[in-house]
N, C-alpha and C. Protein backbone atom coordinates (compact mmCIF):
# COMPACT_ATOMS: atom_id res chain seq x y z
N UNK A 1 104.66 340.35 -27.12
CA UNK A 1 105.38 341.46 -27.75
C UNK A 1 105.50 341.15 -29.23
N UNK A 2 105.15 342.16 -30.03
CA UNK A 2 105.19 341.97 -31.47
C UNK A 2 106.59 341.91 -32.01
N UNK A 3 106.85 341.04 -32.93
CA UNK A 3 108.21 340.83 -33.49
C UNK A 3 108.38 341.82 -34.60
N UNK A 4 109.52 342.37 -34.75
CA UNK A 4 109.82 343.31 -35.81
C UNK A 4 110.31 342.55 -36.99
N UNK A 5 109.68 342.76 -38.13
CA UNK A 5 110.05 342.10 -39.39
C UNK A 5 111.36 342.66 -39.98
N UNK A 6 112.22 341.78 -40.27
CA UNK A 6 113.55 342.18 -40.84
C UNK A 6 113.35 342.39 -42.25
N UNK A 7 113.71 343.60 -42.75
CA UNK A 7 113.57 343.92 -44.12
C UNK A 7 114.93 343.64 -44.84
N UNK A 8 114.84 342.65 -45.81
CA UNK A 8 116.06 342.26 -46.52
C UNK A 8 116.28 343.22 -47.64
N UNK A 9 117.50 343.49 -48.02
CA UNK A 9 117.84 344.38 -49.21
C UNK A 9 117.36 343.79 -50.47
N UNK A 10 117.07 344.75 -51.40
CA UNK A 10 116.65 344.26 -52.76
C UNK A 10 117.82 343.53 -53.42
N UNK A 11 117.40 342.57 -54.21
CA UNK A 11 118.42 341.77 -55.01
C UNK A 11 119.06 342.75 -56.01
N UNK A 12 120.36 342.67 -56.19
CA UNK A 12 121.10 343.42 -57.17
C UNK A 12 121.95 342.64 -58.10
N UNK A 13 121.98 342.95 -59.33
CA UNK A 13 122.82 342.15 -60.22
C UNK A 13 124.29 342.18 -59.80
N UNK A 14 125.00 341.03 -60.11
CA UNK A 14 126.41 340.99 -59.84
C UNK A 14 127.12 341.86 -60.82
N UNK A 15 128.19 342.48 -60.33
CA UNK A 15 129.07 343.33 -61.18
C UNK A 15 130.06 342.40 -61.93
N UNK A 16 130.77 343.00 -62.86
CA UNK A 16 131.80 342.31 -63.52
C UNK A 16 132.88 341.82 -62.62
N UNK A 17 133.17 342.64 -61.61
CA UNK A 17 134.20 342.26 -60.61
C UNK A 17 133.68 341.06 -59.77
N UNK A 18 132.41 341.12 -59.39
CA UNK A 18 131.84 339.95 -58.77
C UNK A 18 132.02 338.67 -59.53
N UNK A 19 131.58 338.77 -60.85
CA UNK A 19 131.63 337.57 -61.69
C UNK A 19 133.11 337.09 -61.92
N UNK A 20 133.97 338.03 -62.05
CA UNK A 20 135.44 337.63 -62.20
C UNK A 20 135.97 336.94 -61.04
N UNK A 21 135.63 337.41 -59.88
CA UNK A 21 136.28 336.77 -58.68
C UNK A 21 135.59 335.41 -58.42
N UNK A 22 134.36 335.30 -58.70
CA UNK A 22 133.63 334.07 -58.52
C UNK A 22 134.17 333.00 -59.51
N UNK A 23 134.47 333.41 -60.71
CA UNK A 23 135.00 332.54 -61.73
C UNK A 23 136.41 332.07 -61.27
N UNK A 24 137.14 332.99 -60.79
CA UNK A 24 138.51 332.61 -60.26
C UNK A 24 138.42 331.67 -59.17
N UNK A 25 137.50 331.92 -58.17
CA UNK A 25 137.38 331.07 -56.99
C UNK A 25 136.84 329.71 -57.42
N UNK A 26 135.82 329.70 -58.23
CA UNK A 26 135.31 328.39 -58.70
C UNK A 26 136.28 327.55 -59.48
N UNK A 27 137.04 328.19 -60.41
CA UNK A 27 138.13 327.57 -61.12
C UNK A 27 139.10 326.94 -60.22
N UNK A 28 139.63 327.74 -59.26
CA UNK A 28 140.69 327.24 -58.35
C UNK A 28 140.24 326.03 -57.54
N UNK A 29 138.94 326.10 -57.07
CA UNK A 29 138.45 324.95 -56.27
C UNK A 29 138.23 323.70 -57.13
N UNK A 30 137.64 323.86 -58.35
CA UNK A 30 137.44 322.70 -59.18
C UNK A 30 138.79 322.03 -59.63
N UNK A 31 139.79 322.92 -59.90
CA UNK A 31 141.07 322.41 -60.28
C UNK A 31 141.72 321.61 -59.16
N UNK A 32 141.71 322.09 -57.95
CA UNK A 32 142.19 321.45 -56.76
C UNK A 32 141.59 320.12 -56.58
N UNK A 33 140.19 320.15 -56.66
CA UNK A 33 139.46 318.93 -56.42
C UNK A 33 139.84 317.87 -57.41
N UNK A 34 139.93 318.22 -58.74
CA UNK A 34 140.29 317.25 -59.76
C UNK A 34 141.67 316.75 -59.65
N UNK A 35 142.66 317.61 -59.19
CA UNK A 35 144.03 317.15 -58.99
C UNK A 35 144.10 316.16 -57.88
N UNK A 36 143.34 316.38 -56.84
CA UNK A 36 143.33 315.41 -55.76
C UNK A 36 142.68 314.05 -56.18
N UNK A 37 141.61 314.16 -56.97
CA UNK A 37 140.98 312.84 -57.47
C UNK A 37 141.91 312.09 -58.40
N UNK A 38 142.54 312.88 -59.33
CA UNK A 38 143.41 312.25 -60.32
C UNK A 38 144.58 311.61 -59.55
N UNK A 39 145.10 312.21 -58.58
CA UNK A 39 146.36 311.66 -57.85
C UNK A 39 145.94 310.36 -57.15
N UNK A 40 144.69 310.26 -56.73
CA UNK A 40 144.23 309.06 -56.09
C UNK A 40 143.67 308.05 -57.02
N UNK A 41 143.69 308.29 -58.27
CA UNK A 41 143.13 307.36 -59.27
C UNK A 41 141.67 307.20 -59.28
N UNK A 42 140.93 308.25 -58.81
CA UNK A 42 139.50 308.21 -58.66
C UNK A 42 138.85 308.87 -59.90
N UNK A 43 137.51 308.64 -59.99
CA UNK A 43 136.69 309.37 -60.95
C UNK A 43 135.66 310.03 -60.11
N UNK A 44 134.74 310.78 -60.74
CA UNK A 44 133.76 311.49 -60.03
C UNK A 44 132.65 311.81 -60.94
N UNK A 45 131.82 312.81 -60.55
CA UNK A 45 130.59 313.23 -61.26
C UNK A 45 130.82 314.08 -62.53
N UNK A 46 129.83 314.16 -63.31
CA UNK A 46 129.78 315.12 -64.44
C UNK A 46 130.88 315.04 -65.44
N UNK A 47 131.17 316.06 -66.21
CA UNK A 47 132.27 316.16 -67.15
C UNK A 47 133.59 315.79 -66.52
N UNK A 48 133.76 316.34 -65.32
CA UNK A 48 135.04 316.09 -64.65
C UNK A 48 135.24 314.53 -64.53
N UNK A 49 134.21 313.76 -64.14
CA UNK A 49 134.30 312.29 -64.10
C UNK A 49 134.59 311.67 -65.43
N UNK A 50 133.85 312.19 -66.46
CA UNK A 50 134.13 311.58 -67.81
C UNK A 50 135.50 311.84 -68.28
N UNK A 51 136.02 313.08 -67.99
CA UNK A 51 137.37 313.37 -68.35
C UNK A 51 138.32 312.51 -67.62
N UNK A 52 138.12 312.31 -66.35
CA UNK A 52 139.05 311.45 -65.55
C UNK A 52 139.03 310.03 -66.03
N UNK A 53 137.84 309.42 -66.36
CA UNK A 53 137.82 308.16 -66.87
C UNK A 53 138.61 308.00 -68.18
N UNK A 54 138.40 308.99 -69.07
CA UNK A 54 139.12 308.94 -70.36
C UNK A 54 140.61 309.05 -70.25
N UNK A 55 141.03 309.89 -69.20
CA UNK A 55 142.44 310.13 -68.95
C UNK A 55 143.22 308.86 -68.50
N UNK A 56 142.48 307.87 -67.92
CA UNK A 56 143.07 306.63 -67.58
C UNK A 56 143.17 305.65 -68.80
N UNK A 57 142.45 305.96 -69.87
CA UNK A 57 142.34 305.11 -71.09
C UNK A 57 143.18 305.57 -72.19
N UNK A 58 143.33 306.96 -72.32
CA UNK A 58 144.08 307.48 -73.39
C UNK A 58 145.17 308.48 -72.91
N UNK A 59 146.29 308.60 -73.63
CA UNK A 59 147.39 309.45 -73.15
C UNK A 59 147.22 310.89 -73.56
N UNK A 60 146.03 311.48 -73.01
CA UNK A 60 145.69 312.86 -73.31
C UNK A 60 145.51 313.61 -71.95
N UNK A 61 146.08 314.77 -71.72
CA UNK A 61 145.88 315.45 -70.47
C UNK A 61 144.44 315.65 -70.13
N UNK A 62 144.08 315.56 -68.82
CA UNK A 62 142.74 315.62 -68.40
C UNK A 62 142.18 316.98 -68.70
N UNK A 63 142.98 318.05 -68.68
CA UNK A 63 142.50 319.44 -69.07
C UNK A 63 141.94 319.49 -70.47
N UNK A 64 142.68 318.91 -71.50
CA UNK A 64 142.17 318.82 -72.88
C UNK A 64 140.96 318.00 -73.02
N UNK A 65 140.90 316.82 -72.35
CA UNK A 65 139.68 315.96 -72.34
C UNK A 65 138.48 316.72 -71.83
N UNK A 66 138.74 317.52 -70.71
CA UNK A 66 137.65 318.27 -70.15
C UNK A 66 136.96 319.14 -71.17
N UNK A 67 137.83 319.77 -72.02
CA UNK A 67 137.26 320.69 -73.02
C UNK A 67 136.52 319.91 -74.16
N UNK A 68 137.16 318.85 -74.57
CA UNK A 68 136.62 318.07 -75.68
C UNK A 68 135.20 317.50 -75.32
N UNK A 69 135.12 316.95 -74.05
CA UNK A 69 133.72 316.42 -73.69
C UNK A 69 132.73 317.43 -73.52
N UNK A 70 133.18 318.62 -73.18
CA UNK A 70 132.25 319.78 -73.02
C UNK A 70 131.60 320.25 -74.32
N UNK A 71 132.20 320.06 -75.46
CA UNK A 71 131.73 320.69 -76.67
C UNK A 71 130.29 320.43 -77.04
N UNK A 72 129.81 319.14 -77.00
CA UNK A 72 128.42 318.95 -77.31
C UNK A 72 127.51 319.60 -76.32
N UNK A 73 127.92 319.69 -75.05
CA UNK A 73 127.03 320.27 -74.03
C UNK A 73 126.92 321.79 -74.31
N UNK A 74 128.05 322.40 -74.73
CA UNK A 74 127.99 323.77 -75.07
C UNK A 74 127.07 324.05 -76.22
N UNK A 75 127.03 323.16 -77.14
CA UNK A 75 126.10 323.34 -78.28
C UNK A 75 124.64 323.26 -77.85
N UNK A 76 124.37 322.41 -76.89
CA UNK A 76 123.02 322.31 -76.30
C UNK A 76 122.71 323.62 -75.50
N UNK A 77 123.71 324.04 -74.69
CA UNK A 77 123.51 325.25 -73.98
C UNK A 77 123.22 326.48 -74.74
N UNK A 78 123.97 326.53 -75.89
CA UNK A 78 123.75 327.69 -76.79
C UNK A 78 122.33 327.80 -77.26
N UNK A 79 121.65 326.63 -77.39
CA UNK A 79 120.23 326.66 -77.89
C UNK A 79 119.31 326.96 -76.78
N UNK A 80 119.44 326.36 -75.63
CA UNK A 80 118.35 326.46 -74.61
C UNK A 80 118.67 327.41 -73.46
N UNK A 81 119.95 327.92 -73.28
CA UNK A 81 120.18 328.76 -72.10
C UNK A 81 120.54 330.22 -72.44
N UNK A 82 120.70 330.49 -73.73
CA UNK A 82 120.97 331.93 -74.00
C UNK A 82 122.47 332.25 -74.23
N UNK A 83 122.66 333.31 -75.03
CA UNK A 83 124.03 333.65 -75.32
C UNK A 83 124.92 334.08 -74.10
N UNK A 84 124.41 334.88 -73.22
CA UNK A 84 125.20 335.23 -72.13
C UNK A 84 125.58 334.06 -71.22
N UNK A 85 124.68 333.08 -71.02
CA UNK A 85 125.03 331.98 -70.20
C UNK A 85 126.13 331.14 -70.86
N UNK A 86 125.98 330.90 -72.12
CA UNK A 86 126.90 330.01 -72.82
C UNK A 86 128.34 330.68 -72.89
N UNK A 87 128.38 331.98 -73.06
CA UNK A 87 129.62 332.69 -73.18
C UNK A 87 130.37 332.54 -71.87
N UNK A 88 129.57 332.80 -70.75
CA UNK A 88 130.24 332.68 -69.46
C UNK A 88 130.68 331.27 -69.19
N UNK A 89 129.88 330.20 -69.70
CA UNK A 89 130.21 328.83 -69.41
C UNK A 89 131.50 328.44 -70.19
N UNK A 90 131.57 328.95 -71.44
CA UNK A 90 132.84 328.66 -72.23
C UNK A 90 134.02 329.23 -71.56
N UNK A 91 133.90 330.51 -71.00
CA UNK A 91 134.99 331.09 -70.27
C UNK A 91 135.36 330.31 -69.08
N UNK A 92 134.37 329.91 -68.24
CA UNK A 92 134.64 329.16 -67.10
C UNK A 92 135.31 327.72 -67.46
N UNK A 93 134.76 327.11 -68.39
CA UNK A 93 135.32 325.79 -68.76
C UNK A 93 136.74 325.90 -69.33
N UNK A 94 136.98 326.94 -70.10
CA UNK A 94 138.34 327.12 -70.70
C UNK A 94 139.32 327.46 -69.60
N UNK A 95 138.91 328.26 -68.58
CA UNK A 95 139.73 328.58 -67.44
C UNK A 95 140.11 327.32 -66.66
N UNK A 96 139.12 326.45 -66.50
CA UNK A 96 139.36 325.21 -65.75
C UNK A 96 140.34 324.33 -66.50
N UNK A 97 140.11 324.20 -67.86
CA UNK A 97 141.01 323.39 -68.68
C UNK A 97 142.50 323.89 -68.68
N UNK A 98 142.63 325.20 -68.74
CA UNK A 98 143.95 325.81 -68.71
C UNK A 98 144.62 325.59 -67.31
N UNK A 99 143.77 325.72 -66.27
CA UNK A 99 144.31 325.55 -64.86
C UNK A 99 144.72 324.15 -64.64
N UNK A 100 143.99 323.14 -65.21
CA UNK A 100 144.35 321.70 -65.09
C UNK A 100 145.60 321.41 -65.83
N UNK A 101 145.79 322.02 -67.03
CA UNK A 101 147.02 321.80 -67.79
C UNK A 101 148.20 322.35 -66.96
N UNK A 102 148.02 323.59 -66.38
CA UNK A 102 149.05 324.19 -65.70
C UNK A 102 149.36 323.42 -64.36
N UNK A 103 148.30 322.89 -63.72
CA UNK A 103 148.51 322.07 -62.52
C UNK A 103 149.25 320.78 -62.79
N UNK A 104 149.16 320.21 -63.94
CA UNK A 104 149.89 319.00 -64.27
C UNK A 104 151.42 319.26 -64.24
N UNK A 105 151.81 320.44 -64.50
CA UNK A 105 153.23 320.79 -64.48
C UNK A 105 153.66 321.44 -63.21
N UNK A 106 152.74 321.91 -62.41
CA UNK A 106 153.06 322.69 -61.17
C UNK A 106 152.95 321.87 -59.91
N UNK A 107 152.17 320.74 -59.93
CA UNK A 107 151.86 320.04 -58.72
C UNK A 107 152.20 318.54 -58.92
N UNK A 108 152.94 318.03 -57.89
CA UNK A 108 153.22 316.61 -57.93
C UNK A 108 152.86 316.01 -56.57
N UNK A 109 151.89 315.09 -56.59
CA UNK A 109 151.44 314.54 -55.28
C UNK A 109 151.98 313.09 -55.34
N UNK A 110 152.96 312.87 -54.36
CA UNK A 110 153.62 311.53 -54.24
C UNK A 110 152.72 310.47 -53.68
N UNK A 111 151.91 310.86 -52.65
CA UNK A 111 151.13 309.87 -52.00
C UNK A 111 149.87 310.66 -51.50
N UNK A 112 148.71 310.00 -51.51
CA UNK A 112 147.45 310.63 -50.97
C UNK A 112 146.48 309.58 -50.53
N UNK A 113 145.75 309.85 -49.53
CA UNK A 113 144.78 308.93 -48.99
C UNK A 113 143.59 308.94 -49.88
N UNK A 114 143.08 307.83 -50.33
CA UNK A 114 141.93 307.75 -51.20
C UNK A 114 140.76 308.33 -50.57
N UNK A 115 140.32 307.95 -49.35
CA UNK A 115 139.23 308.59 -48.69
C UNK A 115 139.28 310.18 -48.63
N UNK A 116 140.46 310.60 -48.26
CA UNK A 116 140.64 312.11 -48.20
C UNK A 116 140.47 312.77 -49.59
N UNK A 117 141.05 312.24 -50.55
CA UNK A 117 140.91 312.74 -51.95
C UNK A 117 139.44 312.73 -52.34
N UNK A 118 138.74 311.69 -52.04
CA UNK A 118 137.35 311.57 -52.40
C UNK A 118 136.43 312.56 -51.81
N UNK A 119 136.58 312.77 -50.46
CA UNK A 119 135.70 313.66 -49.73
C UNK A 119 136.08 315.13 -49.88
N UNK A 120 137.38 315.40 -49.77
CA UNK A 120 137.80 316.79 -49.86
C UNK A 120 137.78 317.28 -51.30
N UNK A 121 138.24 316.35 -52.22
CA UNK A 121 138.25 316.70 -53.61
C UNK A 121 136.83 316.86 -54.14
N UNK A 122 135.91 316.04 -53.82
CA UNK A 122 134.51 316.17 -54.16
C UNK A 122 133.85 317.44 -53.65
N UNK A 123 134.07 317.71 -52.39
CA UNK A 123 133.57 318.93 -51.75
C UNK A 123 134.14 320.23 -52.45
N UNK A 124 135.46 320.19 -52.71
CA UNK A 124 135.98 321.35 -53.42
C UNK A 124 135.41 321.58 -54.74
N UNK A 125 135.18 320.53 -55.49
CA UNK A 125 134.51 320.66 -56.82
C UNK A 125 133.07 321.16 -56.71
N UNK A 126 132.35 320.64 -55.72
CA UNK A 126 130.99 321.11 -55.53
C UNK A 126 130.89 322.56 -55.19
N UNK A 127 131.67 323.04 -54.32
CA UNK A 127 131.67 324.45 -53.91
C UNK A 127 132.14 325.32 -55.18
N UNK A 128 133.09 324.82 -55.95
CA UNK A 128 133.56 325.55 -57.13
C UNK A 128 132.41 325.69 -58.11
N UNK A 129 131.68 324.56 -58.43
CA UNK A 129 130.56 324.64 -59.35
C UNK A 129 129.54 325.59 -58.79
N UNK A 130 129.24 325.60 -57.47
CA UNK A 130 128.24 326.47 -56.92
C UNK A 130 128.66 327.95 -57.03
N UNK A 131 129.94 328.22 -56.85
CA UNK A 131 130.37 329.60 -57.03
C UNK A 131 130.12 330.11 -58.44
N UNK A 132 130.43 329.30 -59.41
CA UNK A 132 130.24 329.67 -60.76
C UNK A 132 128.72 329.80 -61.16
N UNK A 133 128.01 328.76 -60.71
CA UNK A 133 126.54 328.73 -61.04
C UNK A 133 125.79 329.89 -60.50
N UNK A 134 126.17 330.39 -59.29
CA UNK A 134 125.60 331.54 -58.74
C UNK A 134 125.80 332.85 -59.51
N UNK A 135 126.67 332.77 -60.39
CA UNK A 135 126.94 333.99 -61.28
C UNK A 135 126.56 333.71 -62.67
N UNK A 136 125.50 332.98 -62.84
CA UNK A 136 124.88 332.80 -64.23
C UNK A 136 125.64 332.03 -65.19
N UNK A 137 126.35 331.02 -64.77
CA UNK A 137 127.21 330.25 -65.61
C UNK A 137 127.21 328.82 -65.14
N UNK A 138 127.68 327.87 -66.09
CA UNK A 138 127.99 326.52 -65.65
C UNK A 138 129.45 326.25 -66.01
N UNK A 139 129.84 325.11 -65.73
CA UNK A 139 131.17 324.67 -66.11
C UNK A 139 131.11 323.63 -67.16
N UNK A 140 129.98 323.64 -67.88
CA UNK A 140 129.79 322.77 -69.05
C UNK A 140 129.16 321.47 -68.61
N UNK A 141 129.02 320.53 -69.55
CA UNK A 141 128.56 319.21 -69.27
C UNK A 141 127.24 319.17 -68.61
N UNK A 142 127.07 318.12 -67.75
CA UNK A 142 125.75 317.87 -67.23
C UNK A 142 125.20 318.98 -66.39
N UNK A 143 126.04 319.83 -65.80
CA UNK A 143 125.55 321.00 -65.04
C UNK A 143 124.73 321.90 -65.90
N UNK A 144 125.02 322.00 -67.21
CA UNK A 144 124.23 322.81 -68.08
C UNK A 144 122.87 322.19 -68.19
N UNK A 145 122.72 320.92 -68.38
CA UNK A 145 121.43 320.27 -68.44
C UNK A 145 120.67 320.42 -67.12
N UNK A 146 121.43 320.25 -65.95
CA UNK A 146 120.82 320.33 -64.72
C UNK A 146 120.29 321.77 -64.48
N UNK A 147 121.03 322.80 -64.78
CA UNK A 147 120.58 324.17 -64.62
C UNK A 147 119.38 324.50 -65.54
N UNK A 148 119.40 323.96 -66.66
CA UNK A 148 118.24 324.18 -67.65
C UNK A 148 116.99 323.61 -67.01
N UNK A 149 117.06 322.35 -66.49
CA UNK A 149 115.88 321.77 -65.83
C UNK A 149 115.48 322.53 -64.59
N UNK A 150 116.42 323.03 -63.89
CA UNK A 150 116.10 323.87 -62.71
C UNK A 150 115.36 325.12 -63.10
N UNK A 151 115.85 325.77 -64.15
CA UNK A 151 115.19 327.06 -64.57
C UNK A 151 113.84 326.78 -65.26
N UNK A 152 113.69 325.72 -65.94
CA UNK A 152 112.45 325.51 -66.70
C UNK A 152 111.41 324.63 -65.95
N UNK A 153 111.88 323.77 -65.00
CA UNK A 153 110.98 322.87 -64.32
C UNK A 153 111.09 322.97 -62.77
N UNK A 154 112.05 323.79 -62.35
CA UNK A 154 112.23 323.96 -60.89
C UNK A 154 112.71 322.75 -60.16
N UNK A 155 113.37 321.73 -60.92
CA UNK A 155 113.90 320.57 -60.24
C UNK A 155 115.32 320.94 -59.69
N UNK A 156 115.49 320.46 -58.52
CA UNK A 156 116.76 320.75 -57.79
C UNK A 156 118.00 320.32 -58.61
N UNK A 157 118.98 321.18 -58.71
CA UNK A 157 120.14 320.90 -59.44
C UNK A 157 120.82 319.69 -58.98
N UNK A 158 121.04 319.59 -57.64
CA UNK A 158 121.74 318.40 -57.13
C UNK A 158 121.05 317.04 -57.39
N UNK A 159 119.70 317.02 -57.36
CA UNK A 159 118.96 315.77 -57.59
C UNK A 159 119.17 315.33 -59.02
N UNK A 160 118.99 316.26 -59.97
CA UNK A 160 119.09 316.00 -61.42
C UNK A 160 120.48 315.49 -61.71
N UNK A 161 121.49 316.18 -61.25
CA UNK A 161 122.86 315.85 -61.60
C UNK A 161 123.27 314.49 -60.93
N UNK A 162 122.69 314.23 -59.74
CA UNK A 162 122.98 312.90 -59.14
C UNK A 162 122.48 311.75 -59.93
N UNK A 163 121.29 311.88 -60.47
CA UNK A 163 120.78 310.86 -61.40
C UNK A 163 121.67 310.62 -62.59
N UNK A 164 121.97 311.68 -63.31
CA UNK A 164 122.82 311.58 -64.39
C UNK A 164 124.14 310.96 -64.09
N UNK A 165 124.73 311.40 -62.93
CA UNK A 165 126.06 310.92 -62.59
C UNK A 165 126.08 309.49 -62.18
N UNK A 166 124.85 308.91 -61.76
CA UNK A 166 124.83 307.46 -61.52
C UNK A 166 125.13 306.72 -62.74
N UNK A 167 124.73 307.23 -63.90
CA UNK A 167 125.05 306.52 -65.16
C UNK A 167 126.55 306.58 -65.46
N UNK A 168 127.12 307.80 -65.22
CA UNK A 168 128.56 307.92 -65.45
C UNK A 168 129.37 307.01 -64.53
N UNK A 169 129.02 306.95 -63.31
CA UNK A 169 129.77 306.04 -62.37
C UNK A 169 129.52 304.60 -62.70
N UNK A 170 128.34 304.24 -63.28
CA UNK A 170 128.17 302.86 -63.67
C UNK A 170 129.10 302.50 -64.83
N UNK A 171 129.27 303.47 -65.70
CA UNK A 171 130.20 303.30 -66.81
C UNK A 171 131.63 303.09 -66.30
N UNK A 172 131.94 303.82 -65.23
CA UNK A 172 133.31 303.83 -64.58
C UNK A 172 133.60 302.42 -64.05
N UNK A 173 132.61 301.65 -63.68
CA UNK A 173 132.81 300.37 -63.13
C UNK A 173 133.56 299.40 -64.09
N UNK A 174 133.63 299.79 -65.35
CA UNK A 174 134.32 298.94 -66.31
C UNK A 174 135.79 299.35 -66.43
N UNK A 175 136.16 300.41 -65.73
CA UNK A 175 137.63 300.89 -65.85
C UNK A 175 138.29 300.95 -64.51
N UNK A 176 137.60 300.92 -63.45
CA UNK A 176 138.23 300.98 -62.10
C UNK A 176 137.90 299.81 -61.22
N UNK A 177 138.57 299.56 -60.15
CA UNK A 177 138.23 298.54 -59.15
C UNK A 177 137.05 298.91 -58.35
N UNK A 178 136.47 297.94 -57.67
CA UNK A 178 135.26 298.12 -56.77
C UNK A 178 135.62 299.15 -55.66
N UNK A 179 136.77 299.06 -55.11
CA UNK A 179 137.22 299.99 -53.99
C UNK A 179 137.22 301.44 -54.52
N UNK A 180 137.92 301.59 -55.66
CA UNK A 180 137.96 302.92 -56.29
C UNK A 180 136.65 303.44 -56.67
N UNK A 181 135.81 302.58 -57.17
CA UNK A 181 134.49 302.99 -57.53
C UNK A 181 133.64 303.45 -56.36
N UNK A 182 133.76 302.77 -55.25
CA UNK A 182 133.02 303.14 -54.02
C UNK A 182 133.42 304.57 -53.63
N UNK A 183 134.68 304.87 -53.50
CA UNK A 183 135.13 306.16 -53.11
C UNK A 183 134.83 307.25 -54.14
N UNK A 184 134.90 306.77 -55.44
CA UNK A 184 134.52 307.75 -56.48
C UNK A 184 133.01 308.12 -56.34
N UNK A 185 132.20 307.15 -56.03
CA UNK A 185 130.76 307.50 -55.82
C UNK A 185 130.57 308.42 -54.66
N UNK A 186 131.38 308.27 -53.63
CA UNK A 186 131.27 309.15 -52.43
C UNK A 186 131.72 310.51 -52.77
N UNK A 187 132.68 310.66 -53.68
CA UNK A 187 133.15 311.96 -54.13
C UNK A 187 132.06 312.71 -54.87
N UNK A 188 131.20 311.90 -55.70
CA UNK A 188 130.07 312.50 -56.39
C UNK A 188 128.98 312.88 -55.41
N UNK A 189 128.79 312.09 -54.32
CA UNK A 189 127.86 312.45 -53.32
C UNK A 189 128.30 313.81 -52.62
N UNK A 190 129.59 313.90 -52.37
CA UNK A 190 130.08 315.14 -51.74
C UNK A 190 129.82 316.38 -52.66
N UNK A 191 129.96 316.24 -53.94
CA UNK A 191 129.67 317.29 -54.90
C UNK A 191 128.20 317.68 -54.81
N UNK A 192 127.27 316.67 -54.88
CA UNK A 192 125.93 316.94 -54.96
C UNK A 192 125.27 317.35 -53.66
N UNK A 193 125.81 316.85 -52.59
CA UNK A 193 125.32 317.35 -51.25
C UNK A 193 125.48 318.90 -51.16
N UNK A 194 126.59 319.37 -51.67
CA UNK A 194 126.86 320.83 -51.63
C UNK A 194 125.86 321.53 -52.49
N UNK A 195 125.58 321.01 -53.69
CA UNK A 195 124.60 321.68 -54.54
C UNK A 195 123.15 321.60 -54.01
N UNK A 196 122.88 320.39 -53.44
CA UNK A 196 121.47 320.17 -52.92
C UNK A 196 121.24 321.06 -51.75
N UNK A 197 122.27 321.30 -50.86
CA UNK A 197 122.07 322.11 -49.70
C UNK A 197 121.98 323.56 -50.03
N UNK A 198 122.71 324.08 -51.00
CA UNK A 198 122.81 325.53 -51.14
C UNK A 198 122.16 326.06 -52.41
N UNK A 199 122.04 325.28 -53.39
CA UNK A 199 121.49 325.79 -54.71
C UNK A 199 120.00 325.57 -54.78
N UNK A 200 119.24 326.46 -54.13
CA UNK A 200 117.78 326.39 -54.09
C UNK A 200 117.22 327.77 -53.79
N UNK A 201 115.98 328.05 -54.24
CA UNK A 201 115.38 329.37 -53.98
C UNK A 201 115.34 329.69 -52.46
N UNK A 202 115.65 331.01 -52.13
CA UNK A 202 115.58 331.39 -50.77
C UNK A 202 116.82 331.31 -49.98
N UNK A 203 117.90 330.67 -50.66
CA UNK A 203 119.12 330.51 -50.01
C UNK A 203 120.14 331.56 -50.46
N UNK A 204 119.72 332.52 -51.19
CA UNK A 204 120.65 333.43 -51.83
C UNK A 204 120.08 334.68 -52.26
N UNK A 205 120.67 335.83 -51.88
CA UNK A 205 120.17 337.14 -52.30
C UNK A 205 121.00 337.64 -53.41
N UNK A 206 120.42 337.98 -54.53
CA UNK A 206 121.22 338.42 -55.71
C UNK A 206 120.84 337.49 -56.85
N UNK A 207 121.26 337.85 -58.01
CA UNK A 207 120.94 337.07 -59.20
C UNK A 207 121.95 337.38 -60.29
């Protein structure tokens, strides 16, 4: 018996409402993930990891550090990724920074399991990055470089980011204990397994 071919709908651009809700969802998930990691004294991948490392060394809120670390990456993104992408990325990054500042006053975590924070926090950040990336934006930092390599060379976002973040976690070894570093590395794996599994051609209809 001949099989009937399923006709998929044509890809359609996202609407402004689609983008807005994706940015809200991504911002919320990344903020929650970073709050969990910070409460457990962990670091992680990308700009989030750099900001967390610096927050343990200097008395500056992690939300502000997140913005400051992002600035050179935004300059690179403005050159290679186009105006629309970088505008969206600045909006997303600014929203995350503001949400992190608000969370520092709104959430107090008295105790948290380090393994739970690493796995759940990392997964939340990964899904948040994915939500924003699917709508033509990054959250700054290494994801801008990763998306550029994906668009220009077809290299998987998760693989590129994982290599870069190996360098970040190596630097973190000078500021945290071996136990914390181990779980921090697993939080980075949780982020990139999400991107590796879902951010690839054929896994998504729309652009």
